N, C-alpha and C. Protein backbone atom coordinates (compact mmCIF):
# COMPACT_ATOMS: atom_id res chain seq x y z
N MET A 1 0.71 -0.97 -0.17
CA MET A 1 0.45 0.10 -0.13
C MET A 1 0.84 1.37 -0.01
N LEU A 2 0.26 2.32 -0.66
CA LEU A 2 0.79 3.92 -1.04
C LEU A 2 1.07 4.23 0.04
N GLN A 3 2.05 4.61 1.34
CA GLN A 3 2.17 4.58 2.85
C GLN A 3 2.88 6.10 3.05
N HIS A 4 3.47 6.34 2.68
CA HIS A 4 4.22 7.82 2.19
C HIS A 4 4.42 8.35 0.94
N LEU A 5 3.83 9.30 0.22
CA LEU A 5 3.71 10.39 -0.51
C LEU A 5 4.17 11.10 -0.57
N ALA A 6 5.05 12.24 -1.46
CA ALA A 6 5.54 13.27 -1.37
C ALA A 6 5.30 13.69 -2.73
N ILE A 7 5.43 15.49 -2.56
CA ILE A 7 4.91 15.94 -4.20
C ILE A 7 6.04 17.12 -3.85
N ILE A 8 5.73 17.59 -5.24
CA ILE A 8 6.72 18.50 -5.97
C ILE A 8 5.64 19.47 -6.09
N PRO A 9 5.24 20.28 -5.47
CA PRO A 9 3.92 21.39 -6.02
C PRO A 9 4.25 22.45 -6.76
N ASP A 10 4.26 21.91 -8.35
CA ASP A 10 4.43 22.97 -9.25
C ASP A 10 3.98 23.69 -10.34
N GLY A 11 4.11 24.97 -10.20
CA GLY A 11 3.02 25.49 -11.49
C GLY A 11 1.72 26.46 -10.96
N ASN A 12 2.56 26.84 -9.17
CA ASN A 12 1.24 27.72 -8.65
C ASN A 12 1.19 29.21 -9.26
N ARG A 13 2.61 29.75 -9.82
CA ARG A 13 2.55 30.92 -10.46
C ARG A 13 2.52 30.88 -11.81
N ARG A 14 2.06 29.43 -12.62
CA ARG A 14 1.82 29.71 -13.90
C ARG A 14 -0.12 29.29 -14.27
N TRP A 15 -0.45 29.31 -12.61
CA TRP A 15 -1.99 28.84 -12.72
C TRP A 15 -2.62 29.94 -12.43
N ALA A 16 -1.95 31.11 -11.94
CA ALA A 16 -2.16 32.34 -11.68
C ALA A 16 -2.39 33.31 -13.14
N LYS A 17 -1.13 32.80 -13.51
CA LYS A 17 -0.87 34.01 -15.20
C LYS A 17 -2.34 33.21 -15.72
N ASP A 18 -2.26 32.09 -16.01
CA ASP A 18 -2.92 31.93 -16.74
C ASP A 18 -4.81 31.73 -16.46
N ARG A 19 -4.67 32.71 -15.50
CA ARG A 19 -6.08 32.89 -14.86
C ARG A 19 -6.32 34.60 -14.86
N GLY A 20 -5.85 35.38 -14.99
CA GLY A 20 -4.81 36.55 -15.59
C GLY A 20 -4.77 37.31 -13.76
N LEU A 21 -4.58 36.09 -13.27
CA LEU A 21 -4.26 36.56 -11.40
C LEU A 21 -2.72 36.75 -11.17
N PRO A 22 -3.11 37.63 -9.73
CA PRO A 22 -1.79 37.78 -9.04
C PRO A 22 -1.24 37.13 -8.57
N THR A 23 -0.16 36.81 -8.93
CA THR A 23 1.13 35.39 -8.90
C THR A 23 1.20 34.84 -7.30
N LEU A 24 1.28 35.46 -6.02
CA LEU A 24 0.47 35.30 -5.16
C LEU A 24 -0.67 34.85 -4.48
N GLU A 25 -2.26 34.84 -5.73
CA GLU A 25 -3.27 34.24 -5.54
C GLU A 25 -2.50 32.88 -5.96
N GLY A 26 -1.75 32.60 -6.79
CA GLY A 26 -2.00 31.54 -6.81
C GLY A 26 -1.09 30.59 -5.59
N HIS A 27 0.12 30.91 -5.18
CA HIS A 27 1.02 31.06 -4.46
C HIS A 27 0.10 30.37 -2.78
N ARG A 28 -1.42 31.07 -2.87
CA ARG A 28 -2.19 31.19 -1.47
C ARG A 28 -3.46 30.08 -1.80
N ARG A 29 -3.46 29.26 -2.95
CA ARG A 29 -4.16 28.70 -3.62
C ARG A 29 -3.25 27.09 -3.51
N GLY A 30 -2.26 27.65 -3.08
CA GLY A 30 -1.01 25.71 -3.39
C GLY A 30 -1.12 25.70 -1.98
N TYR A 31 -0.61 26.36 -1.07
CA TYR A 31 -1.12 26.15 0.24
C TYR A 31 -2.13 25.50 0.74
N ASP A 32 -3.10 26.30 0.28
CA ASP A 32 -4.59 25.29 0.79
C ASP A 32 -5.26 24.20 -0.01
N LYS A 33 -4.77 24.23 -0.69
CA LYS A 33 -4.55 22.82 -1.05
C LYS A 33 -3.91 21.97 -0.54
N ILE A 34 -2.45 21.97 0.21
CA ILE A 34 -1.67 21.15 0.80
C ILE A 34 -2.20 20.87 2.00
N LYS A 35 -3.62 21.52 2.68
CA LYS A 35 -4.53 21.42 3.58
C LYS A 35 -4.93 20.09 3.70
N ASP A 36 -5.76 20.36 2.12
CA ASP A 36 -6.49 19.59 1.30
C ASP A 36 -6.28 18.25 1.44
N ILE A 37 -5.05 18.10 0.95
CA ILE A 37 -4.50 16.76 0.58
C ILE A 37 -4.11 16.21 1.90
N GLY A 38 -3.41 16.51 2.80
CA GLY A 38 -3.38 15.96 4.17
C GLY A 38 -4.58 15.59 4.21
N GLY A 39 -5.61 16.14 4.61
CA GLY A 39 -6.62 15.06 4.36
C GLY A 39 -7.09 14.36 3.92
N TRP A 40 -6.88 14.22 2.45
CA TRP A 40 -7.51 12.83 2.04
C TRP A 40 -6.13 12.47 1.73
N CYS A 41 -5.26 12.45 2.69
CA CYS A 41 -4.72 11.17 2.50
C CYS A 41 -4.50 10.45 4.10
N VAL A 42 -5.24 11.12 4.75
CA VAL A 42 -5.00 10.67 6.16
C VAL A 42 -6.80 9.66 5.54
N ASP A 43 -7.64 10.39 4.89
CA ASP A 43 -8.95 9.26 4.61
C ASP A 43 -8.71 7.64 3.61
N ARG A 44 -7.53 8.19 3.68
CA ARG A 44 -6.95 6.79 2.88
C ARG A 44 -6.37 5.79 3.90
N GLY A 45 -6.07 6.35 4.38
CA GLY A 45 -4.43 5.87 5.22
C GLY A 45 -3.15 5.61 4.41
N ILE A 46 -2.77 6.92 4.10
CA ILE A 46 -2.18 7.31 3.65
C ILE A 46 -1.57 7.81 4.71
N ARG A 47 0.10 7.00 5.44
CA ARG A 47 0.75 7.82 7.19
C ARG A 47 1.35 8.85 6.97
N ASN A 48 1.66 8.70 5.83
CA ASN A 48 3.12 9.88 5.25
C ASN A 48 2.49 10.88 4.19
N LEU A 49 2.78 12.18 4.48
CA LEU A 49 2.52 12.80 3.00
C LEU A 49 4.35 13.83 3.39
N THR A 50 3.96 14.64 2.25
CA THR A 50 6.01 14.71 2.31
C THR A 50 5.71 16.40 1.50
N VAL A 51 5.34 17.44 2.18
CA VAL A 51 5.55 18.60 0.57
C VAL A 51 6.33 19.74 0.81
N TRP A 52 6.91 19.84 -0.81
CA TRP A 52 7.89 20.58 -0.42
C TRP A 52 7.44 22.39 -0.62
N GLY A 53 7.34 23.18 0.86
CA GLY A 53 7.43 24.10 0.91
C GLY A 53 7.79 25.68 0.16
N PHE A 54 8.62 25.30 1.29
CA PHE A 54 9.66 26.29 0.15
C PHE A 54 11.68 25.67 0.15
N SER A 55 11.97 25.79 -1.07
CA SER A 55 13.20 25.07 -1.57
C SER A 55 14.79 26.10 -1.60
N THR A 56 15.80 25.66 -1.20
CA THR A 56 17.01 26.89 -0.62
C THR A 56 17.65 27.68 -1.84
N GLU A 57 16.56 27.43 -2.84
CA GLU A 57 16.77 28.14 -4.10
C GLU A 57 16.16 28.93 -4.42
N ASN A 58 14.73 28.89 -3.20
CA ASN A 58 13.66 30.31 -3.71
C ASN A 58 13.95 31.67 -2.57
N TRP A 59 15.04 31.65 -2.50
CA TRP A 59 15.93 32.95 -1.60
C TRP A 59 15.51 34.04 -3.32
N LYS A 60 16.14 33.01 -4.53
CA LYS A 60 16.01 33.73 -5.18
C LYS A 60 15.53 34.89 -5.89
N ARG A 61 14.01 35.02 -5.28
CA ARG A 61 13.24 35.07 -5.71
C ARG A 61 12.87 36.85 -5.55
N THR A 62 11.51 37.18 -5.65
CA THR A 62 11.85 39.23 -4.77
C THR A 62 11.20 38.54 -3.52
N GLU A 63 11.96 39.81 -3.01
CA GLU A 63 11.32 40.47 -1.50
C GLU A 63 10.67 40.58 -1.97
N ASP A 64 9.97 40.75 -2.10
CA ASP A 64 8.09 40.77 -1.73
C ASP A 64 7.14 39.00 -1.50
N GLU A 65 7.80 38.54 -3.01
CA GLU A 65 7.57 37.38 -2.93
C GLU A 65 8.31 36.07 -2.32
N VAL A 66 9.24 36.55 -1.19
CA VAL A 66 9.97 35.46 -0.21
C VAL A 66 9.09 35.84 0.70
N GLY A 67 8.84 37.18 0.76
CA GLY A 67 8.20 37.35 2.05
C GLY A 67 6.55 37.11 2.24
N TYR A 68 6.15 37.36 1.10
CA TYR A 68 4.71 36.53 0.62
C TYR A 68 4.70 35.02 1.16
N LEU A 69 6.18 34.97 0.89
CA LEU A 69 5.57 33.17 0.92
C LEU A 69 6.18 32.46 2.65
N MET A 70 6.51 33.05 3.23
CA MET A 70 6.94 33.09 4.65
C MET A 70 6.11 33.43 5.27
N ASN A 71 5.01 34.35 5.24
CA ASN A 71 3.98 34.57 5.70
C ASN A 71 2.86 33.80 6.04
N LEU A 72 2.70 33.31 4.72
CA LEU A 72 1.83 32.07 4.52
C LEU A 72 2.50 30.57 5.49
N ILE A 73 3.21 30.69 5.54
CA ILE A 73 3.94 29.12 5.97
C ILE A 73 3.47 29.49 7.41
N PHE A 74 3.80 30.34 8.11
CA PHE A 74 3.51 31.28 9.35
C PHE A 74 1.69 30.84 9.33
N LEU A 75 0.85 31.19 8.66
CA LEU A 75 -0.37 31.70 8.58
C LEU A 75 -0.54 30.10 8.70
N ALA A 76 0.05 29.19 8.17
CA ALA A 76 0.18 26.89 7.92
C ALA A 76 -0.06 26.82 9.02
N LEU A 77 0.93 27.48 9.94
CA LEU A 77 1.75 26.90 11.34
C LEU A 77 0.62 27.54 12.81
N THR A 78 0.21 28.07 11.97
CA THR A 78 -0.52 28.96 12.93
C THR A 78 -2.40 28.62 13.03
N LYS A 79 -2.79 29.58 11.87
CA LYS A 79 -3.87 29.68 11.60
C LYS A 79 -5.30 28.40 11.43
N GLU A 80 -4.19 27.26 11.19
CA GLU A 80 -4.87 26.01 10.72
C GLU A 80 -4.36 24.83 11.65
N LEU A 81 -4.09 25.09 12.90
CA LEU A 81 -3.58 23.93 13.60
C LEU A 81 -4.84 23.24 14.00
N ASN A 82 -6.15 23.83 14.23
CA ASN A 82 -7.12 23.19 14.82
C ASN A 82 -7.14 22.15 13.55
N PHE A 83 -7.80 22.22 12.45
CA PHE A 83 -7.81 21.52 11.75
C PHE A 83 -7.09 20.23 11.15
N TYR A 84 -5.28 20.27 11.55
CA TYR A 84 -4.47 19.17 11.84
C TYR A 84 -5.26 18.90 12.87
N ASN A 85 -5.56 19.48 14.61
CA ASN A 85 -5.40 18.48 15.26
C ASN A 85 -7.01 18.04 14.71
N GLU A 86 -8.05 17.81 14.52
CA GLU A 86 -8.66 17.68 14.35
C GLU A 86 -8.90 16.40 13.49
N LYS A 87 -8.34 16.59 12.80
CA LYS A 87 -7.62 15.02 11.27
C LYS A 87 -6.88 14.09 12.57
N GLY A 88 -6.06 14.55 13.26
CA GLY A 88 -5.17 13.98 14.16
C GLY A 88 -4.03 13.46 13.38
N ILE A 89 -3.52 14.82 12.48
CA ILE A 89 -2.59 14.76 11.38
C ILE A 89 -1.44 15.86 12.90
N ARG A 90 0.42 14.77 12.64
CA ARG A 90 0.82 15.90 13.08
C ARG A 90 1.97 15.88 11.99
N ILE A 91 2.07 17.12 12.95
CA ILE A 91 3.05 18.53 11.44
C ILE A 91 4.65 18.98 12.28
N ARG A 92 5.01 18.26 11.05
CA ARG A 92 6.98 18.35 11.13
C ARG A 92 7.34 19.30 10.21
N VAL A 93 8.23 19.93 10.23
CA VAL A 93 9.30 20.76 9.10
C VAL A 93 10.71 20.56 9.11
N MET A 94 10.56 20.11 7.84
CA MET A 94 12.16 19.55 7.98
C MET A 94 12.91 20.97 6.64
N GLY A 95 13.95 20.78 7.16
CA GLY A 95 14.89 22.25 6.35
C GLY A 95 16.06 22.89 7.49
N LEU A 96 16.19 23.36 7.19
CA LEU A 96 17.12 24.53 7.65
C LEU A 96 16.54 25.83 8.33
N ARG A 97 17.07 25.76 9.28
CA ARG A 97 16.07 27.06 10.57
C ARG A 97 16.52 28.34 10.15
N ASP A 98 18.15 28.44 9.63
CA ASP A 98 18.36 29.51 9.35
C ASP A 98 18.21 30.77 8.11
N ARG A 99 18.27 31.61 8.52
CA ARG A 99 17.23 33.13 7.58
C ARG A 99 15.97 33.10 7.33
N LEU A 100 15.63 31.80 8.11
CA LEU A 100 13.95 32.19 8.29
C LEU A 100 13.50 33.51 9.28
N PRO A 101 12.27 33.85 8.75
CA PRO A 101 12.07 34.80 10.13
C PRO A 101 11.81 34.36 11.33
N GLU A 102 12.27 34.38 12.67
CA GLU A 102 12.55 34.22 13.52
C GLU A 102 10.39 33.44 14.01
N ASN A 103 9.45 34.77 13.77
CA ASN A 103 8.08 34.06 13.98
C ASN A 103 8.03 33.04 13.38
N VAL A 104 8.84 32.69 12.22
CA VAL A 104 8.46 31.53 11.02
C VAL A 104 8.52 30.56 12.53
N VAL A 105 10.43 30.42 12.81
CA VAL A 105 10.49 29.55 13.43
C VAL A 105 10.24 29.43 14.84
N ARG A 106 9.33 30.09 15.32
CA ARG A 106 8.70 30.07 16.86
C ARG A 106 7.63 29.35 16.51
N ALA A 107 6.78 29.17 15.13
CA ALA A 107 5.71 28.79 14.45
C ALA A 107 5.48 27.39 14.55
N ILE A 108 7.42 27.49 14.15
CA ILE A 108 7.23 25.82 13.88
C ILE A 108 7.37 24.92 15.21
N GLY A 109 8.01 25.61 16.00
CA GLY A 109 8.51 24.57 17.61
C GLY A 109 7.19 24.45 17.98
N GLU A 110 6.03 26.02 17.83
CA GLU A 110 5.00 25.44 18.82
C GLU A 110 4.08 24.76 17.65
N ALA A 111 4.09 24.53 16.57
CA ALA A 111 2.74 23.94 15.91
C ALA A 111 3.67 22.38 15.91
N GLU A 112 4.63 22.40 15.84
CA GLU A 112 5.27 20.96 15.76
C GLU A 112 5.05 20.00 17.79
N ALA A 113 5.08 20.98 18.99
CA ALA A 113 4.62 20.72 19.92
C ALA A 113 3.08 20.45 20.21
N ALA A 114 3.12 21.31 19.41
CA ALA A 114 0.73 21.41 19.57
C ALA A 114 0.99 20.22 18.39
N THR A 115 0.89 18.89 17.81
CA THR A 115 0.23 18.38 17.11
C THR A 115 0.95 16.95 17.20
N ALA A 116 2.08 16.99 18.38
CA ALA A 116 3.01 15.82 18.08
C ALA A 116 2.23 14.55 18.69
N GLY A 117 0.97 14.98 19.43
CA GLY A 117 0.44 13.46 20.05
C GLY A 117 -0.63 13.14 19.32
N ASN A 118 -0.65 13.55 18.33
CA ASN A 118 -1.53 13.61 16.69
C ASN A 118 -1.34 12.19 15.60
N ASP A 119 -1.59 10.94 16.14
CA ASP A 119 -1.24 9.76 15.12
C ASP A 119 -2.14 8.58 14.01
N LYS A 120 -3.06 10.18 13.73
CA LYS A 120 -3.73 9.30 12.13
C LYS A 120 -2.40 9.14 11.10
N GLY A 121 -1.79 10.85 10.73
CA GLY A 121 -0.78 10.77 9.72
C GLY A 121 -0.23 11.85 9.79
N GLN A 122 0.63 12.04 9.47
CA GLN A 122 1.74 13.18 9.54
C GLN A 122 2.45 13.61 8.34
N ILE A 123 2.20 15.48 8.12
CA ILE A 123 2.83 16.25 6.78
C ILE A 123 3.71 16.68 7.72
N ASN A 124 4.81 16.03 6.68
CA ASN A 124 6.65 16.76 6.49
C ASN A 124 6.91 17.91 5.44
N ILE A 125 7.12 19.16 6.17
CA ILE A 125 6.51 20.12 4.95
C ILE A 125 7.80 20.77 5.02
N CYS A 126 8.61 21.04 3.99
CA CYS A 126 9.52 20.43 3.93
C CYS A 126 10.47 22.64 3.38
N VAL A 127 10.83 23.37 4.28
CA VAL A 127 11.22 24.74 4.02
C VAL A 127 12.06 24.78 4.88
N ASN A 128 12.79 25.51 3.08
CA ASN A 128 14.58 26.30 3.50
C ASN A 128 14.87 24.70 3.42
N TYR A 129 14.54 23.82 1.86
CA TYR A 129 14.73 22.69 2.09
C TYR A 129 15.90 22.07 0.99
N GLY A 130 17.05 21.61 0.86
CA GLY A 130 17.52 20.96 -0.15
C GLY A 130 17.62 19.95 -0.20
N GLY A 131 18.08 19.13 -1.10
CA GLY A 131 18.31 17.46 -0.89
C GLY A 131 20.00 17.98 -0.67
N HIS A 132 21.11 18.68 -0.94
CA HIS A 132 21.58 18.76 -1.03
C HIS A 132 22.61 19.87 0.49
N ALA A 133 21.46 20.35 0.35
CA ALA A 133 21.88 20.54 2.34
C ALA A 133 21.48 20.09 3.06
N GLU A 134 20.28 18.75 2.69
CA GLU A 134 20.44 17.56 4.03
C GLU A 134 21.06 17.28 4.24
N MET A 135 21.75 16.43 3.11
CA MET A 135 23.55 15.81 3.09
C MET A 135 24.61 16.06 3.65
N VAL A 136 24.50 17.75 3.05
CA VAL A 136 25.97 18.35 4.30
C VAL A 136 25.53 18.60 5.45
N ALA A 137 24.20 18.41 5.98
CA ALA A 137 23.61 19.04 7.15
C ALA A 137 23.87 17.06 8.16
N ALA A 138 23.47 16.41 7.48
CA ALA A 138 23.85 14.57 8.14
C ALA A 138 25.34 14.66 8.94
N ALA A 139 26.01 14.95 7.07
CA ALA A 139 27.57 14.78 6.99
C ALA A 139 28.07 15.37 8.67
N LYS A 140 27.96 16.76 8.11
CA LYS A 140 28.28 17.58 9.82
C LYS A 140 27.42 17.40 11.77
N LYS A 141 26.90 16.62 11.23
CA LYS A 141 25.75 15.76 12.17
C LYS A 141 26.70 14.67 12.89
N LEU A 142 27.37 14.32 12.33
CA LEU A 142 27.92 12.96 12.59
C LEU A 142 29.94 13.41 12.75
N VAL A 143 29.56 14.42 12.24
CA VAL A 143 31.06 14.78 12.59
C VAL A 143 31.62 15.63 13.73
N ALA A 144 30.26 16.19 14.01
CA ALA A 144 29.94 16.80 16.00
C ALA A 144 29.74 15.67 16.65
N GLU A 145 29.20 14.99 15.98
CA GLU A 145 29.45 13.15 17.06
C GLU A 145 30.94 12.53 17.76
N GLY A 146 31.63 13.15 16.36
CA GLY A 146 32.87 12.40 16.77
C GLY A 146 33.14 10.64 15.80
N ARG A 147 32.09 10.68 15.05
CA ARG A 147 31.80 9.25 14.24
C ARG A 147 33.47 9.32 13.85
N THR A 148 33.77 8.08 13.31
CA THR A 148 34.35 7.78 12.81
C THR A 148 34.91 7.41 11.57
N ALA A 149 35.20 6.85 10.32
CA ALA A 149 34.89 6.58 8.75
C ALA A 149 34.11 5.60 9.44
N ASP A 150 34.81 4.39 10.37
CA ASP A 150 33.98 3.13 9.93
C ASP A 150 32.49 3.03 10.91
N GLU A 151 32.50 3.87 11.94
CA GLU A 151 31.21 4.56 12.12
C GLU A 151 30.26 5.07 11.62
N VAL A 152 30.52 5.86 9.73
CA VAL A 152 29.28 6.35 9.19
C VAL A 152 29.13 5.14 8.48
N THR A 153 27.97 4.37 8.12
CA THR A 153 26.97 3.33 7.65
C THR A 153 26.23 4.03 6.98
N GLU A 154 25.31 3.31 6.20
CA GLU A 154 23.94 3.72 6.02
C GLU A 154 23.64 4.06 7.38
N GLU A 155 23.20 3.15 7.88
CA GLU A 155 21.78 3.86 8.99
C GLU A 155 22.39 4.60 9.83
N SER A 156 23.73 4.62 10.54
CA SER A 156 23.73 6.06 10.71
C SER A 156 23.69 7.13 10.30
N PHE A 157 24.47 7.25 8.75
CA PHE A 157 23.87 8.43 8.38
C PHE A 157 22.42 8.51 7.81
N GLY A 158 21.65 7.73 7.53
CA GLY A 158 20.02 8.20 7.84
C GLY A 158 19.86 8.71 8.39
N ASN A 159 20.16 8.47 9.96
CA ASN A 159 19.34 8.59 10.91
C ASN A 159 20.17 10.14 11.57
N ALA A 160 21.27 10.58 10.74
CA ALA A 160 21.82 12.12 11.08
C ALA A 160 20.72 12.78 10.13
N THR A 161 19.60 12.03 8.96
CA THR A 161 19.16 13.36 8.03
C THR A 161 17.90 13.58 9.04
N TRP A 162 17.73 14.63 7.78
CA TRP A 162 16.10 15.68 8.52
C TRP A 162 14.64 14.75 8.83
N PHE A 163 15.10 13.42 8.09
CA PHE A 163 13.98 13.09 7.67
C PHE A 163 14.27 11.65 8.75
N ALA A 164 14.84 11.27 9.66
CA ALA A 164 15.16 10.13 10.21
C ALA A 164 14.25 9.49 11.53
N GLY A 165 14.06 8.29 10.71
CA GLY A 165 12.67 7.41 11.64
C GLY A 165 11.38 7.73 10.68
N VAL A 166 11.29 8.80 9.94
CA VAL A 166 10.66 8.71 9.12
C VAL A 166 10.64 7.67 7.83
N PRO A 167 9.60 6.94 7.52
CA PRO A 167 9.85 6.11 6.55
C PRO A 167 10.34 6.41 4.82
N ASP A 168 10.43 5.60 4.26
CA ASP A 168 11.12 5.73 2.65
C ASP A 168 9.87 6.20 2.07
N VAL A 169 10.38 7.12 1.40
CA VAL A 169 9.21 7.65 0.13
C VAL A 169 8.71 6.42 -0.85
N ASP A 170 7.67 6.45 -0.93
CA ASP A 170 7.02 5.55 -1.54
C ASP A 170 6.55 6.06 -2.96
N LEU A 171 6.26 7.16 -3.31
CA LEU A 171 6.20 7.93 -4.12
C LEU A 171 6.34 9.15 -4.52
N ILE A 172 6.95 9.72 -5.43
CA ILE A 172 7.27 11.04 -5.40
C ILE A 172 6.49 11.80 -6.69
N VAL A 173 5.16 12.42 -6.93
CA VAL A 173 4.41 12.87 -7.52
C VAL A 173 4.89 14.73 -8.08
N ARG A 174 5.41 15.63 -9.48
CA ARG A 174 5.74 16.59 -9.59
C ARG A 174 4.97 16.95 -10.35
N THR A 175 3.82 18.21 -10.01
CA THR A 175 3.54 18.28 -10.97
C THR A 175 3.27 19.69 -12.35
N SER A 176 2.55 20.27 -12.68
CA SER A 176 2.61 21.02 -14.37
C SER A 176 3.46 20.84 -15.35
N GLY A 177 4.13 19.46 -15.53
CA GLY A 177 4.71 19.12 -16.39
C GLY A 177 6.38 19.18 -16.10
N GLU A 178 6.55 19.53 -15.37
CA GLU A 178 7.86 19.11 -14.99
C GLU A 178 9.08 17.86 -14.92
N GLN A 179 9.55 17.32 -15.74
CA GLN A 179 9.87 16.19 -15.34
C GLN A 179 11.55 16.17 -14.84
N ARG A 180 11.60 16.90 -13.62
CA ARG A 180 12.58 16.46 -12.80
C ARG A 180 12.62 16.65 -11.25
N LEU A 181 13.67 16.39 -10.94
CA LEU A 181 13.27 15.70 -8.72
C LEU A 181 13.79 17.56 -8.23
N SER A 182 15.19 18.11 -8.99
CA SER A 182 15.00 19.57 -8.29
C SER A 182 16.00 18.98 -6.67
N GLY A 183 16.97 17.72 -6.67
CA GLY A 183 17.14 17.29 -5.59
C GLY A 183 16.43 17.46 -4.46
N PHE A 184 15.16 16.63 -4.50
CA PHE A 184 14.07 15.72 -3.45
C PHE A 184 14.50 14.74 -3.22
N LEU A 185 14.23 14.66 -2.00
CA LEU A 185 14.04 13.81 -0.62
C LEU A 185 15.41 12.51 -2.02
N PRO A 186 16.66 13.01 -2.07
CA PRO A 186 17.26 11.73 -2.35
C PRO A 186 18.21 11.08 -1.70
N TRP A 187 17.90 11.34 -0.14
CA TRP A 187 17.84 10.24 0.52
C TRP A 187 16.80 9.04 0.82
N ASN A 188 15.75 10.03 1.77
CA ASN A 188 14.82 9.18 1.64
C ASN A 188 13.72 8.55 0.40
N GLY A 189 13.70 9.50 -1.23
CA GLY A 189 13.41 8.70 -2.00
C GLY A 189 13.91 7.89 -2.86
N ALA A 190 15.48 7.39 -2.80
CA ALA A 190 15.70 6.80 -3.31
C ALA A 190 15.42 5.94 -4.39
N TYR A 191 14.45 5.20 -3.75
CA TYR A 191 14.15 3.61 -4.06
C TYR A 191 12.27 3.90 -4.32
N ALA A 192 11.93 5.94 -4.71
CA ALA A 192 10.33 6.54 -4.68
C ALA A 192 9.71 5.71 -6.28
N GLU A 193 8.82 5.49 -6.65
CA GLU A 193 8.54 5.46 -7.65
C GLU A 193 7.99 7.07 -8.13
N LEU A 194 7.96 7.49 -9.12
CA LEU A 194 7.62 8.77 -9.71
C LEU A 194 6.15 8.73 -10.61
N LYS A 195 5.90 9.93 -10.57
CA LYS A 195 4.65 10.51 -11.28
C LYS A 195 4.64 11.89 -11.19
N PHE A 196 4.35 12.18 -13.24
CA PHE A 196 4.28 13.67 -13.27
C PHE A 196 3.63 14.00 -14.17
N LEU A 197 2.53 14.92 -14.08
CA LEU A 197 1.43 15.65 -13.80
C LEU A 197 1.64 16.90 -14.63
N GLU A 198 0.92 16.97 -15.34
CA GLU A 198 0.99 17.92 -16.27
C GLU A 198 -0.03 19.21 -15.78
N LYS A 199 -1.11 18.58 -14.69
CA LYS A 199 -2.16 20.33 -14.43
C LYS A 199 -1.32 20.44 -13.17
N HIS A 200 -1.49 22.11 -13.35
CA HIS A 200 -0.55 22.77 -11.94
C HIS A 200 -1.42 22.74 -10.50
N PHE A 201 -0.38 22.47 -9.60
CA PHE A 201 -0.70 22.49 -8.41
C PHE A 201 -2.10 22.99 -7.39
N PRO A 202 -2.75 23.72 -8.29
CA PRO A 202 -3.62 24.28 -7.39
C PRO A 202 -4.75 22.97 -8.33
N ASP A 203 -4.50 22.92 -9.06
CA ASP A 203 -5.96 22.07 -9.66
C ASP A 203 -6.02 21.12 -9.37
N PHE A 204 -5.08 20.31 -8.61
CA PHE A 204 -4.79 18.76 -8.23
C PHE A 204 -6.22 18.78 -6.86
N GLU A 205 -6.74 17.70 -7.68
CA GLU A 205 -8.42 17.44 -6.73
C GLU A 205 -8.41 16.17 -6.33
N GLU A 206 -9.06 15.47 -5.45
CA GLU A 206 -9.26 14.27 -5.15
C GLU A 206 -8.80 13.48 -5.47
N ALA A 207 -9.43 13.21 -7.24
CA ALA A 207 -9.92 12.66 -8.33
C ALA A 207 -8.58 11.98 -8.53
N ASP A 208 -7.40 12.86 -8.49
CA ASP A 208 -5.97 12.70 -8.90
C ASP A 208 -5.17 11.94 -7.67
N LEU A 209 -5.91 12.17 -6.55
CA LEU A 209 -4.81 11.28 -5.67
C LEU A 209 -5.80 9.61 -5.61
N ASP A 210 -6.49 9.57 -6.68
CA ASP A 210 -7.30 8.10 -6.24
C ASP A 210 -6.26 7.71 -7.38
N ALA A 211 -6.36 8.26 -8.47
CA ALA A 211 -5.73 8.13 -9.78
C ALA A 211 -4.02 7.54 -9.14
N LEU A 212 -3.82 7.94 -8.54
CA LEU A 212 -2.34 8.56 -8.52
C LEU A 212 -2.40 6.36 -7.37
N ILE A 213 -3.22 6.48 -6.39
CA ILE A 213 -2.83 5.04 -5.34
C ILE A 213 -3.49 3.66 -6.68
N GLU A 214 -4.05 3.50 -7.30
CA GLU A 214 -4.61 3.03 -8.24
C GLU A 214 -3.66 2.52 -8.68
N GLU A 215 -2.11 3.89 -9.93
CA GLU A 215 -1.72 3.88 -10.23
C GLU A 215 -0.38 2.81 -9.35
N PHE A 216 0.16 3.27 -8.47
CA PHE A 216 1.31 2.89 -7.37
C PHE A 216 0.69 1.09 -7.43
N ASP A 217 -0.20 1.19 -6.81
CA ASP A 217 -0.91 -0.17 -7.18
C ASP A 217 -0.49 -0.80 -7.89
N ARG A 218 -0.56 -0.69 -9.15
CA ARG A 218 -0.54 -1.67 -10.36
C ARG A 218 1.17 -1.59 -10.81
N ARG A 219 2.16 -0.98 -10.34
CA ARG A 219 3.14 -0.46 -10.06
C ARG A 219 3.80 -2.07 -9.39
N GLU A 220 5.33 -3.12 -9.99
CA GLU A 220 5.48 -3.93 -9.48
C GLU A 220 6.99 -3.07 -8.84
N ARG A 221 7.42 -3.00 -7.93
CA ARG A 221 8.31 -2.39 -7.21
C ARG A 221 9.74 -3.55 -6.57
N ARG A 222 10.96 -3.18 -7.46
CA ARG A 222 11.61 -4.38 -6.75
C ARG A 222 12.87 -4.97 -6.05
N PHE A 223 13.16 -2.86 -5.81
CA PHE A 223 14.05 -3.27 -5.24
C PHE A 223 15.92 -3.25 -4.97
N GLY A 224 16.47 -3.69 -6.47
CA GLY A 224 17.09 -4.17 -6.90
C GLY A 224 16.95 -5.70 -6.85
N LYS A 225 15.68 -6.88 -6.61
CA LYS A 225 15.96 -7.42 -6.92
C LYS A 225 15.48 -8.56 -8.54
């Protein structure tokens, strides 16, 4: 069964442009969609949903856009807590905390604490996340722990990543027609199935999730065997 779904939510800006709407409205619709998908996953027994909310490369965008995205993340971690608690969803945020606004860092800690006891499902929101950054952070953690070269194994390295303790990803989906991973989940997603959708992320519907589950169930996963 599909137990860990990961999404690269691409196309928010293109969705808005196609409709003659401000770019920022596309981002707002995209963040609303994350909440919807989280609920749909819980209803279908998918225990983990990982969504890329803000990448380490997104700092290159305009100051206004970055500020708006940070505000959306803050609102998602504060105003929506009742929804996640009612659904029994635990929130975890993966990524570098440096460069994030102080109010966002504080909201992350409070949201993770407030939902820590929820056990129906988990949403992992990747904020200031990059695959290379995760690998470097894991290596630095092992060095700081004083690990010798012989003590660096797949197990110890995996336990040093941000996704330590989270099951490996079963399926990575990217919306808006782009067919690349852009460094997303290089460790946890090493054996993930891939699916690229043409539609922009705000257009993702509940029926799309059901279609993904059906296709995943048809695939044969060999894991090198």
